[in-house]
Amino acid sequence: MRVGAARDIPAGHHVVVELDADRSVAVVNVDGRFYAVDNLCPHRGGPLGEGRLTGTVLHCPWHGWQFYVTTGRMVQNRAVRIACYPVVVENGEVMVVLP
């Protein structure tokens, strides 16, 4: 699924994309590399894409849970994960690859 132009998501920023009626992802640019993770925090369904990005860690704005965008694993408890989706950049366009 097309997200948008890579130039519109600068390094250190992220956007939320609605994939379908039941699923949205946060697409993150970390130093020119793009990652996509589930937008819902497993704790209480907080909107991860509205949280702060620190390096490769996305912080849930509701209760501070933190997730590595590179793996989906929670910083504080590696047994907890969020879904990650492959991202491809072609001709300057960012696309999330759906399963």
N, C-alpha and C. Protein backbone atom coordinates (compact mmCIF):
# COMPACT_ATOMS: atom_id res chain seq x y z
N MET A 1 0.83 -1.18 0.00
CA MET A 1 0.00 0.00 0.00
C MET A 1 0.88 1.24 0.00
N ARG A 2 0.56 2.18 -0.88
CA ARG A 2 1.33 3.42 -0.99
C ARG A 2 1.07 4.31 0.22
N VAL A 3 2.15 4.82 0.82
CA VAL A 3 2.06 5.72 1.96
C VAL A 3 2.18 7.16 1.51
N GLY A 4 3.15 7.42 0.64
CA GLY A 4 3.38 8.78 0.16
C GLY A 4 4.82 8.94 -0.27
N ALA A 5 5.19 10.16 -0.58
CA ALA A 5 6.54 10.45 -1.01
C ALA A 5 7.50 10.42 0.17
N ALA A 6 8.66 9.82 -0.04
CA ALA A 6 9.67 9.73 1.02
C ALA A 6 10.06 11.12 1.52
N ARG A 7 10.11 12.08 0.63
CA ARG A 7 10.51 13.45 1.02
C ARG A 7 9.51 14.09 1.99
N ASP A 8 8.28 13.56 2.05
CA ASP A 8 7.26 14.11 2.94
C ASP A 8 7.33 13.55 4.35
N ILE A 9 8.22 12.58 4.56
CA ILE A 9 8.42 12.01 5.90
C ILE A 9 9.90 12.17 6.23
N PRO A 10 10.31 13.32 6.75
CA PRO A 10 11.73 13.56 7.02
C PRO A 10 12.27 12.66 8.13
N ALA A 11 13.57 12.50 8.16
CA ALA A 11 14.23 11.70 9.20
C ALA A 11 13.80 12.21 10.58
N GLY A 12 13.50 11.25 11.46
CA GLY A 12 13.07 11.57 12.81
C GLY A 12 11.59 11.84 12.95
N HIS A 13 10.84 11.67 11.87
CA HIS A 13 9.40 11.90 11.89
C HIS A 13 8.65 10.63 11.53
N HIS A 14 7.34 10.67 11.74
CA HIS A 14 6.50 9.53 11.41
C HIS A 14 5.09 10.01 11.06
N VAL A 15 4.38 9.15 10.34
CA VAL A 15 3.00 9.43 9.95
C VAL A 15 2.15 8.20 10.25
N VAL A 16 0.87 8.41 10.38
CA VAL A 16 -0.07 7.30 10.58
C VAL A 16 -0.83 7.10 9.28
N VAL A 17 -0.93 5.84 8.88
CA VAL A 17 -1.62 5.48 7.64
C VAL A 17 -2.70 4.46 7.96
N GLU A 18 -3.91 4.70 7.48
CA GLU A 18 -5.01 3.75 7.65
C GLU A 18 -4.90 2.71 6.54
N LEU A 19 -4.66 1.45 6.90
CA LEU A 19 -4.54 0.39 5.91
C LEU A 19 -5.90 -0.12 5.48
N ASP A 20 -6.79 -0.25 6.44
CA ASP A 20 -8.18 -0.64 6.15
C ASP A 20 -9.01 -0.18 7.35
N ALA A 21 -10.26 -0.57 7.40
CA ALA A 21 -11.16 -0.09 8.46
C ALA A 21 -10.71 -0.50 9.86
N ASP A 22 -9.95 -1.60 9.97
CA ASP A 22 -9.57 -2.11 11.28
C ASP A 22 -8.09 -2.00 11.62
N ARG A 23 -7.29 -1.43 10.72
CA ARG A 23 -5.85 -1.45 10.96
C ARG A 23 -5.18 -0.19 10.45
N SER A 24 -4.35 0.40 11.33
CA SER A 24 -3.52 1.52 10.91
C SER A 24 -2.10 1.25 11.38
N VAL A 25 -1.15 1.88 10.70
CA VAL A 25 0.26 1.70 11.05
C VAL A 25 0.92 3.06 11.19
N ALA A 26 1.98 3.08 11.98
CA ALA A 26 2.84 4.25 12.07
C ALA A 26 4.04 3.96 11.17
N VAL A 27 4.28 4.84 10.21
CA VAL A 27 5.42 4.71 9.31
C VAL A 27 6.46 5.72 9.77
N VAL A 28 7.65 5.20 10.07
CA VAL A 28 8.70 5.96 10.74
C VAL A 28 9.93 6.07 9.85
N ASN A 29 10.55 7.24 9.83
CA ASN A 29 11.82 7.44 9.12
C ASN A 29 12.92 7.62 10.15
N VAL A 30 13.82 6.65 10.21
CA VAL A 30 14.97 6.70 11.12
C VAL A 30 16.21 6.83 10.25
N ASP A 31 16.74 8.05 10.16
CA ASP A 31 17.95 8.32 9.38
C ASP A 31 17.87 7.81 7.95
N GLY A 32 16.71 7.99 7.32
CA GLY A 32 16.55 7.60 5.92
C GLY A 32 16.07 6.17 5.71
N ARG A 33 15.94 5.40 6.77
CA ARG A 33 15.38 4.04 6.68
C ARG A 33 13.97 4.07 7.23
N PHE A 34 13.07 3.44 6.50
CA PHE A 34 11.65 3.47 6.87
C PHE A 34 11.22 2.16 7.51
N TYR A 35 10.37 2.30 8.54
CA TYR A 35 9.81 1.16 9.26
C TYR A 35 8.32 1.40 9.43
N ALA A 36 7.56 0.32 9.52
CA ALA A 36 6.12 0.42 9.76
C ALA A 36 5.75 -0.53 10.89
N VAL A 37 5.03 0.00 11.87
CA VAL A 37 4.59 -0.80 13.02
C VAL A 37 3.11 -0.54 13.27
N ASP A 38 2.49 -1.47 13.96
CA ASP A 38 1.08 -1.32 14.33
C ASP A 38 0.91 -0.03 15.10
N ASN A 39 -0.16 0.68 14.85
CA ASN A 39 -0.40 1.97 15.49
C ASN A 39 -1.02 1.84 16.87
N LEU A 40 -1.48 0.67 17.26
CA LEU A 40 -2.14 0.49 18.55
C LEU A 40 -1.21 -0.13 19.58
N CYS A 41 -1.08 0.55 20.70
CA CYS A 41 -0.30 0.01 21.82
C CYS A 41 -1.08 -1.15 22.43
N PRO A 42 -0.42 -2.28 22.71
CA PRO A 42 -1.12 -3.43 23.28
C PRO A 42 -1.61 -3.21 24.71
N HIS A 43 -1.12 -2.18 25.37
CA HIS A 43 -1.51 -1.93 26.75
C HIS A 43 -2.98 -1.52 26.86
N ARG A 44 -3.35 -0.42 26.23
CA ARG A 44 -4.72 0.08 26.30
C ARG A 44 -5.19 0.64 24.95
N GLY A 45 -4.49 0.26 23.89
CA GLY A 45 -4.91 0.71 22.56
C GLY A 45 -4.51 2.13 22.23
N GLY A 46 -3.52 2.64 22.94
CA GLY A 46 -3.06 4.01 22.68
C GLY A 46 -2.53 4.17 21.26
N PRO A 47 -2.61 5.38 20.71
CA PRO A 47 -2.18 5.64 19.34
C PRO A 47 -0.67 5.86 19.26
N LEU A 48 0.08 4.81 19.01
CA LEU A 48 1.54 4.91 18.98
C LEU A 48 2.04 5.98 18.01
N GLY A 49 1.35 6.13 16.89
CA GLY A 49 1.76 7.11 15.89
C GLY A 49 1.65 8.55 16.34
N GLU A 50 1.02 8.79 17.47
CA GLU A 50 0.96 10.14 18.02
C GLU A 50 2.04 10.35 19.08
N GLY A 51 2.83 9.30 19.32
CA GLY A 51 3.86 9.38 20.34
C GLY A 51 5.16 9.97 19.83
N ARG A 52 6.11 10.10 20.74
CA ARG A 52 7.42 10.67 20.44
C ARG A 52 8.35 9.57 19.92
N LEU A 53 9.18 9.92 18.95
CA LEU A 53 10.19 9.02 18.41
C LEU A 53 11.54 9.46 18.93
N THR A 54 12.26 8.52 19.57
CA THR A 54 13.61 8.78 20.06
C THR A 54 14.51 7.72 19.44
N GLY A 55 15.28 8.09 18.44
CA GLY A 55 16.11 7.10 17.74
C GLY A 55 15.22 6.08 17.08
N THR A 56 15.33 4.82 17.51
CA THR A 56 14.50 3.75 16.96
C THR A 56 13.37 3.35 17.91
N VAL A 57 13.11 4.17 18.92
CA VAL A 57 12.09 3.84 19.92
C VAL A 57 10.90 4.79 19.78
N LEU A 58 9.70 4.19 19.67
CA LEU A 58 8.46 4.94 19.60
C LEU A 58 7.77 4.83 20.96
N HIS A 59 7.39 5.96 21.53
CA HIS A 59 6.80 6.03 22.87
C HIS A 59 5.29 6.20 22.77
N CYS A 60 4.55 5.37 23.45
CA CYS A 60 3.09 5.53 23.48
C CYS A 60 2.76 6.80 24.26
N PRO A 61 1.93 7.67 23.68
CA PRO A 61 1.62 8.94 24.36
C PRO A 61 0.71 8.78 25.58
N TRP A 62 0.04 7.65 25.72
CA TRP A 62 -0.89 7.49 26.84
C TRP A 62 -0.20 7.07 28.14
N HIS A 63 0.64 6.02 28.09
CA HIS A 63 1.22 5.50 29.32
C HIS A 63 2.72 5.26 29.23
N GLY A 64 3.34 5.71 28.15
CA GLY A 64 4.80 5.67 28.05
C GLY A 64 5.42 4.34 27.65
N TRP A 65 4.62 3.36 27.27
CA TRP A 65 5.23 2.11 26.81
C TRP A 65 6.09 2.44 25.59
N GLN A 66 7.22 1.75 25.47
CA GLN A 66 8.18 2.05 24.41
C GLN A 66 8.46 0.82 23.58
N PHE A 67 8.52 1.03 22.25
CA PHE A 67 8.73 -0.08 21.31
C PHE A 67 9.81 0.26 20.30
N TYR A 68 10.67 -0.73 20.02
CA TYR A 68 11.65 -0.57 18.95
C TYR A 68 10.93 -0.70 17.61
N VAL A 69 11.05 0.30 16.75
CA VAL A 69 10.39 0.22 15.45
C VAL A 69 11.08 -0.77 14.52
N THR A 70 12.30 -1.13 14.84
CA THR A 70 13.06 -2.08 14.01
C THR A 70 12.61 -3.52 14.21
N THR A 71 12.08 -3.84 15.39
CA THR A 71 11.70 -5.22 15.70
C THR A 71 10.27 -5.36 16.21
N GLY A 72 9.68 -4.28 16.71
CA GLY A 72 8.37 -4.33 17.32
C GLY A 72 8.39 -4.73 18.79
N ARG A 73 9.55 -5.06 19.31
CA ARG A 73 9.65 -5.49 20.71
C ARG A 73 9.57 -4.30 21.66
N MET A 74 8.96 -4.55 22.81
CA MET A 74 8.86 -3.53 23.85
C MET A 74 10.21 -3.37 24.52
N VAL A 75 10.60 -2.14 24.81
CA VAL A 75 11.89 -1.88 25.45
C VAL A 75 11.92 -2.48 26.85
N GLN A 76 10.86 -2.30 27.63
CA GLN A 76 10.85 -2.73 29.03
C GLN A 76 10.60 -4.23 29.21
N ASN A 77 9.97 -4.87 28.23
CA ASN A 77 9.64 -6.30 28.35
C ASN A 77 9.67 -6.91 26.96
N ARG A 78 10.74 -7.55 26.60
CA ARG A 78 10.92 -8.05 25.24
C ARG A 78 9.93 -9.15 24.84
N ALA A 79 9.17 -9.66 25.79
CA ALA A 79 8.15 -10.65 25.46
C ALA A 79 6.92 -10.00 24.81
N VAL A 80 6.77 -8.70 25.00
CA VAL A 80 5.64 -7.96 24.44
C VAL A 80 6.08 -7.37 23.10
N ARG A 81 5.23 -7.53 22.08
CA ARG A 81 5.57 -7.02 20.74
C ARG A 81 4.36 -6.38 20.08
N ILE A 82 4.69 -5.56 19.10
CA ILE A 82 3.68 -5.05 18.18
C ILE A 82 4.07 -5.54 16.79
N ALA A 83 3.10 -5.57 15.90
CA ALA A 83 3.37 -6.05 14.54
C ALA A 83 4.23 -5.06 13.78
N CYS A 84 5.13 -5.62 12.97
CA CYS A 84 5.97 -4.83 12.06
C CYS A 84 5.62 -5.25 10.63
N TYR A 85 5.73 -4.31 9.72
CA TYR A 85 5.43 -4.57 8.31
C TYR A 85 6.60 -4.11 7.46
N PRO A 86 6.95 -4.89 6.43
CA PRO A 86 8.04 -4.47 5.55
C PRO A 86 7.69 -3.17 4.83
N VAL A 87 8.70 -2.35 4.61
CA VAL A 87 8.54 -1.10 3.88
C VAL A 87 9.50 -1.10 2.71
N VAL A 88 9.01 -0.66 1.55
CA VAL A 88 9.81 -0.57 0.34
C VAL A 88 9.74 0.87 -0.15
N VAL A 89 10.88 1.40 -0.59
CA VAL A 89 10.91 2.72 -1.21
C VAL A 89 11.30 2.53 -2.67
N GLU A 90 10.40 2.90 -3.57
CA GLU A 90 10.65 2.78 -5.01
C GLU A 90 10.33 4.11 -5.68
N ASN A 91 11.29 4.60 -6.45
CA ASN A 91 11.10 5.87 -7.16
C ASN A 91 10.64 6.98 -6.23
N GLY A 92 11.18 7.00 -5.02
CA GLY A 92 10.86 8.05 -4.07
C GLY A 92 9.53 7.89 -3.35
N GLU A 93 8.83 6.77 -3.59
CA GLU A 93 7.54 6.50 -2.96
C GLU A 93 7.70 5.44 -1.86
N VAL A 94 7.11 5.70 -0.71
CA VAL A 94 7.15 4.76 0.41
C VAL A 94 5.91 3.88 0.34
N MET A 95 6.14 2.55 0.43
CA MET A 95 5.04 1.59 0.38
C MET A 95 5.18 0.58 1.50
N VAL A 96 4.07 0.30 2.18
CA VAL A 96 4.02 -0.74 3.20
C VAL A 96 3.56 -2.02 2.52
N VAL A 97 4.30 -3.10 2.76
CA VAL A 97 3.97 -4.40 2.18
C VAL A 97 3.08 -5.15 3.16
N LEU A 98 1.87 -5.44 2.75
CA LEU A 98 0.93 -6.14 3.61
C LEU A 98 1.03 -7.64 3.44
N PRO A 99 0.81 -8.39 4.53
CA PRO A 99 0.87 -9.86 4.43
C PRO A 99 -0.25 -10.43 3.60
